[in-house]
Amino acid sequence: MSVPLEVRALERYRIWVKYSDGTEGIVDKNYTRLFYCPLWYSQ
């Protein structure tokens, strides 16, 4: 199982991730802000 080694916040709800197996890439979370989830906005 891969473990995230590095995580960087990018602009416009994107995240760059590098895993222990050498895989790296960008996760685009932009679409998730269109849906409301109370857990995301709880304080």
C-alpha atoms as a PDB file:
ATOM      1  CA  MET A   1       0.000   0.000   0.000  1.00  0.00           C
ATOM      2  CA  SER A   2       1.356   3.403  -0.964  1.00  0.00           C
ATOM      3  CA  VAL A   3       1.772   6.150   1.603  1.00  0.00           C
ATOM      4  CA  PRO A   4       1.766   9.875   0.736  1.00  0.00           C
ATOM      5  CA  LEU A   5       5.268  11.305   1.233  1.00  0.00           C
ATOM      6  CA  GLU A   6       4.644  14.874   0.066  1.00  0.00           C
ATOM      7  CA  VAL A   7       1.448  16.887  -0.291  1.00  0.00           C
ATOM      8  CA  ARG A   8       1.288  20.446  -1.605  1.00  0.00           C
ATOM      9  CA  ALA A   9      -1.713  22.730  -1.848  1.00  0.00           C
ATOM     10  CA  LEU A  10      -2.122  24.351  -5.252  1.00  0.00           C
ATOM     11  CA  GLU A  11      -4.468  27.074  -6.452  1.00  0.00           C
ATOM     12  CA  ARG A  12      -8.081  26.438  -7.415  1.00  0.00           C
ATOM     13  CA  TYR A  13      -8.770  23.477  -5.118  1.00  0.00           C
ATOM     14  CA  ARG A  14      -5.948  21.310  -6.468  1.00  0.00           C
ATOM     15  CA  ILE A  15      -3.507  19.180  -4.477  1.00  0.00           C
ATOM     16  CA  TRP A  16      -0.182  17.707  -5.637  1.00  0.00           C
ATOM     17  CA  VAL A  17       0.661  14.355  -4.046  1.00  0.00           C
ATOM     18  CA  LYS A  18       3.760  12.129  -4.184  1.00  0.00           C
ATOM     19  CA  TYR A  19       3.460   8.543  -2.927  1.00  0.00           C
ATOM     20  CA  SER A  20       6.072   6.119  -1.574  1.00  0.00           C
ATOM     21  CA  ASP A  21       5.873   3.923  -4.709  1.00  0.00           C
ATOM     22  CA  GLY A  22       7.033   6.833  -6.893  1.00  0.00           C
ATOM     23  CA  THR A  23       3.600   7.786  -8.208  1.00  0.00           C
ATOM     24  CA  GLU A  24       2.865  11.503  -8.223  1.00  0.00           C
ATOM     25  CA  GLY A  25       0.158  13.695  -9.628  1.00  0.00           C
ATOM     26  CA  ILE A  26      -2.422  16.398  -9.145  1.00  0.00           C
ATOM     27  CA  VAL A  27      -5.854  15.812  -7.631  1.00  0.00           C
ATOM     28  CA  ASP A  28      -8.436  18.326  -8.796  1.00  0.00           C
ATOM     29  CA  LYS A  29     -10.969  18.869  -6.011  1.00  0.00           C
ATOM     30  CA  ASN A  30     -12.692  21.774  -7.785  1.00  0.00           C
ATOM     31  CA  TYR A  31     -15.890  19.840  -8.477  1.00  0.00           C
ATOM     32  CA  THR A  32     -16.369  18.895  -4.792  1.00  0.00           C
ATOM     33  CA  ARG A  33     -17.113  22.491  -3.821  1.00  0.00           C
ATOM     34  CA  LEU A  34     -20.302  22.282  -5.892  1.00  0.00           C
ATOM     35  CA  PHE A  35     -21.788  19.819  -3.412  1.00  0.00           C
ATOM     36  CA  TYR A  36     -22.647  20.697   0.166  1.00  0.00           C
ATOM     37  CA  CYS A  37     -21.466  18.443   2.968  1.00  0.00           C
ATOM     38  CA  PRO A  38     -21.900  19.670   6.574  1.00  0.00           C
ATOM     39  CA  LEU A  39     -18.656  17.978   7.645  1.00  0.00           C
ATOM     40  CA  TRP A  40     -16.610  20.050   5.200  1.00  0.00           C
ATOM     41  CA  TYR A  41     -17.897  23.313   6.624  1.00  0.00           C
ATOM     42  CA  SER A  42     -18.128  22.466  10.326  1.00  0.00           C
ATOM     43  CA  GLN A  43     -16.028  24.588  12.647  1.00  0.00           C
END
